[in-house]
Amino acid sequence: LFSKKEKAKVRLRRLRHLQYDHDGEGAAAAQIASVDRAIAFLDQMSTEHPYFVTIDDFGRAVLELESTNFFGDIAFNTDGSLECCVLRPIVEAVEGSSASQEVKSFLAERLGVFL
């Protein structure tokens, strides 16, 4: 059987073939570089939160984490940066390289994702 990570990577590999307007509402085609970055990220990360991968309206790969009273996401930009957001009582967000201490701290402390 496949692990949760392997299933997520298989899903991303399928989603990378989405074309423009795949949703009938003008969504962008999947950005292959973004999908590849998300797959590489999955190989490095660990988390206790249940997660799901998808493609957003801009064609970026997105890792969504959700549990009771918690929702966070990580969008993978083609330039290598991440957009990380957590929704609790307030919205907290950070954008930058996955190698930056600020992003790594946000991932660990706010999203419970460890590299």
C-alpha atoms as a PDB file:
ATOM      1  CA  LEU A   1       0.000   0.000   0.000  1.00  0.00           C
ATOM      2  CA  PHE A   2       1.053   3.570  -0.665  1.00  0.00           C
ATOM      3  CA  SER A   3       1.835   5.973   2.153  1.00  0.00           C
ATOM      4  CA  LYS A   4      -0.083   9.246   2.489  1.00  0.00           C
ATOM      5  CA  LYS A   5       2.904  11.080   0.971  1.00  0.00           C
ATOM      6  CA  GLU A   6       3.059   8.717  -1.998  1.00  0.00           C
ATOM      7  CA  LYS A   7      -0.677   9.137  -2.627  1.00  0.00           C
ATOM      8  CA  ALA A   8      -0.298  12.925  -2.487  1.00  0.00           C
ATOM      9  CA  LYS A   9       2.609  12.801  -4.948  1.00  0.00           C
ATOM     10  CA  VAL A  10       0.621  10.584  -7.334  1.00  0.00           C
ATOM     11  CA  ARG A  11      -2.276  13.060  -7.166  1.00  0.00           C
ATOM     12  CA  LEU A  12       0.067  15.965  -7.934  1.00  0.00           C
ATOM     13  CA  ARG A  13       1.513  14.081 -10.905  1.00  0.00           C
ATOM     14  CA  ARG A  14      -2.026  13.667 -12.267  1.00  0.00           C
ATOM     15  CA  LEU A  15      -2.953  17.292 -11.548  1.00  0.00           C
ATOM     16  CA  ARG A  16       0.127  18.621 -13.374  1.00  0.00           C
ATOM     17  CA  HIS A  17      -1.662  17.827 -16.668  1.00  0.00           C
ATOM     18  CA  LEU A  18      -4.611  20.163 -16.011  1.00  0.00           C
ATOM     19  CA  GLN A  19      -5.105  22.613 -18.868  1.00  0.00           C
ATOM     20  CA  TYR A  20      -6.417  26.163 -18.906  1.00  0.00           C
ATOM     21  CA  ASP A  21     -10.102  26.399 -17.924  1.00  0.00           C
ATOM     22  CA  HIS A  22     -10.208  22.819 -16.598  1.00  0.00           C
ATOM     23  CA  ASP A  23     -12.872  23.941 -14.148  1.00  0.00           C
ATOM     24  CA  GLY A  24     -15.029  25.770 -16.711  1.00  0.00           C
ATOM     25  CA  GLU A  25     -14.444  29.024 -14.801  1.00  0.00           C
ATOM     26  CA  GLY A  26     -11.139  30.158 -16.313  1.00  0.00           C
ATOM     27  CA  ALA A  27      -8.676  28.514 -13.933  1.00  0.00           C
ATOM     28  CA  ALA A  28      -5.055  28.610 -15.086  1.00  0.00           C
ATOM     29  CA  ALA A  29      -3.290  25.507 -16.345  1.00  0.00           C
ATOM     30  CA  ALA A  30      -1.207  23.692 -13.754  1.00  0.00           C
ATOM     31  CA  GLN A  31       2.262  25.200 -13.363  1.00  0.00           C
ATOM     32  CA  ILE A  32       4.605  22.257 -13.772  1.00  0.00           C
ATOM     33  CA  ALA A  33       7.461  23.933 -11.855  1.00  0.00           C
ATOM     34  CA  SER A  34       5.097  24.544  -8.931  1.00  0.00           C
ATOM     35  CA  VAL A  35       3.948  20.921  -8.939  1.00  0.00           C
ATOM     36  CA  ASP A  36       7.558  19.697  -9.036  1.00  0.00           C
ATOM     37  CA  ARG A  37       8.445  21.935  -6.076  1.00  0.00           C
ATOM     38  CA  ALA A  38       5.481  20.583  -4.098  1.00  0.00           C
ATOM     39  CA  ILE A  39       6.531  16.980  -4.787  1.00  0.00           C
ATOM     40  CA  ALA A  40      10.075  17.734  -3.613  1.00  0.00           C
ATOM     41  CA  PHE A  41       8.698  19.483  -0.511  1.00  0.00           C
ATOM     42  CA  LEU A  42       6.551  16.452   0.374  1.00  0.00           C
ATOM     43  CA  ASP A  43       9.678  14.283   0.298  1.00  0.00           C
ATOM     44  CA  GLN A  44      11.276  16.515   2.951  1.00  0.00           C
ATOM     45  CA  MET A  45       8.386  17.340   5.269  1.00  0.00           C
ATOM     46  CA  SER A  46       6.721  15.726   8.224  1.00  0.00           C
ATOM     47  CA  THR A  47       3.499  16.757   9.953  1.00  0.00           C
ATOM     48  CA  GLU A  48       0.886  15.393  12.316  1.00  0.00           C
ATOM     49  CA  HIS A  49      -1.924  17.265  10.523  1.00  0.00           C
ATOM     50  CA  PRO A  50      -4.079  15.551   7.914  1.00  0.00           C
ATOM     51  CA  TYR A  51      -3.277  17.085   4.526  1.00  0.00           C
ATOM     52  CA  PHE A  52      -4.474  17.218   0.939  1.00  0.00           C
ATOM     53  CA  VAL A  53      -2.883  18.498  -2.279  1.00  0.00           C
ATOM     54  CA  THR A  54      -4.597  20.436  -5.033  1.00  0.00           C
ATOM     55  CA  ILE A  55      -4.064  23.068  -7.732  1.00  0.00           C
ATOM     56  CA  ASP A  56      -5.366  26.590  -7.104  1.00  0.00           C
ATOM     57  CA  ASP A  57      -7.032  28.944  -9.624  1.00  0.00           C
ATOM     58  CA  PHE A  58      -3.594  30.325 -10.558  1.00  0.00           C
ATOM     59  CA  GLY A  59      -2.234  26.870 -11.437  1.00  0.00           C
ATOM     60  CA  ARG A  60      -0.046  26.588  -8.342  1.00  0.00           C
ATOM     61  CA  ALA A  61       0.291  23.397  -6.341  1.00  0.00           C
ATOM     62  CA  VAL A  62      -1.135  23.817  -2.837  1.00  0.00           C
ATOM     63  CA  LEU A  63      -0.719  21.688   0.270  1.00  0.00           C
ATOM     64  CA  GLU A  64      -3.737  22.106   2.568  1.00  0.00           C
ATOM     65  CA  LEU A  65      -3.544  21.066   6.221  1.00  0.00           C
ATOM     66  CA  GLU A  66      -6.702  20.750   8.276  1.00  0.00           C
ATOM     67  CA  SER A  67      -7.749  19.494  11.675  1.00  0.00           C
ATOM     68  CA  THR A  68     -10.153  20.604  14.399  1.00  0.00           C
ATOM     69  CA  ASN A  69     -10.102  24.423  14.651  1.00  0.00           C
ATOM     70  CA  PHE A  70      -7.154  24.616  12.268  1.00  0.00           C
ATOM     71  CA  PHE A  71      -6.656  25.235   8.559  1.00  0.00           C
ATOM     72  CA  GLY A  72      -3.411  26.125   6.853  1.00  0.00           C
ATOM     73  CA  ASP A  73      -2.038  26.028   3.361  1.00  0.00           C
ATOM     74  CA  ILE A  74       1.243  26.253   1.528  1.00  0.00           C
ATOM     75  CA  ALA A  75       1.256  27.482  -2.085  1.00  0.00           C
ATOM     76  CA  PHE A  76       4.322  26.708  -4.200  1.00  0.00           C
ATOM     77  CA  ASN A  77       5.404  29.559  -6.464  1.00  0.00           C
ATOM     78  CA  THR A  78       7.389  28.823  -9.610  1.00  0.00           C
ATOM     79  CA  ASP A  79      10.236  31.092  -8.418  1.00  0.00           C
ATOM     80  CA  GLY A  80      10.860  28.701  -5.526  1.00  0.00           C
ATOM     81  CA  SER A  81       9.166  30.802  -2.862  1.00  0.00           C
ATOM     82  CA  LEU A  82       6.312  29.607  -0.682  1.00  0.00           C
ATOM     83  CA  GLU A  83       3.154  31.401   0.408  1.00  0.00           C
ATOM     84  CA  CYS A  84       2.143  30.015   3.791  1.00  0.00           C
ATOM     85  CA  CYS A  85      -1.087  30.880   5.547  1.00  0.00           C
ATOM     86  CA  VAL A  86      -2.820  29.693   8.693  1.00  0.00           C
ATOM     87  CA  LEU A  87      -6.409  30.481   9.643  1.00  0.00           C
ATOM     88  CA  ARG A  88      -7.157  30.432  13.333  1.00  0.00           C
ATOM     89  CA  PRO A  89      -9.060  33.212  15.010  1.00  0.00           C
ATOM     90  CA  ILE A  90      -6.909  35.507  12.834  1.00  0.00           C
ATOM     91  CA  VAL A  91      -5.079  35.024   9.537  1.00  0.00           C
ATOM     92  CA  GLU A  92      -1.304  34.762   9.710  1.00  0.00           C
ATOM     93  CA  ALA A  93       0.833  34.529   6.583  1.00  0.00           C
ATOM     94  CA  VAL A  94       4.429  34.577   5.365  1.00  0.00           C
ATOM     95  CA  GLU A  95       6.044  34.401   1.943  1.00  0.00           C
ATOM     96  CA  GLY A  96       9.619  33.487   1.070  1.00  0.00           C
ATOM     97  CA  SER A  97      12.120  30.743   0.340  1.00  0.00           C
ATOM     98  CA  SER A  98      11.690  27.387   2.048  1.00  0.00           C
ATOM     99  CA  ALA A  99      15.359  27.764   3.032  1.00  0.00           C
ATOM    100  CA  SER A 100      14.738  30.981   4.979  1.00  0.00           C
ATOM    101  CA  GLN A 101      14.598  30.796   8.765  1.00  0.00           C
ATOM    102  CA  GLU A 102      11.435  32.938   8.791  1.00  0.00           C
ATOM    103  CA  VAL A 103       9.553  30.480   6.563  1.00  0.00           C
ATOM    104  CA  LYS A 104      10.931  27.409   8.363  1.00  0.00           C
ATOM    105  CA  SER A 105       9.868  28.879  11.723  1.00  0.00           C
ATOM    106  CA  PHE A 106       6.387  29.707  10.397  1.00  0.00           C
ATOM    107  CA  LEU A 107       6.020  26.207   8.962  1.00  0.00           C
ATOM    108  CA  ALA A 108       7.043  24.576  12.244  1.00  0.00           C
ATOM    109  CA  GLU A 109       5.385  26.900  14.758  1.00  0.00           C
ATOM    110  CA  ARG A 110       2.190  27.849  12.911  1.00  0.00           C
ATOM    111  CA  LEU A 111       1.525  24.940  10.555  1.00  0.00           C
ATOM    112  CA  GLY A 112       3.206  22.043  12.349  1.00  0.00           C
ATOM    113  CA  VAL A 113       5.219  21.179   9.220  1.00  0.00           C
ATOM    114  CA  PHE A 114       8.864  20.279   9.675  1.00  0.00           C
ATOM    115  CA  LEU A 115      11.662  20.186   7.100  1.00  0.00           C
END
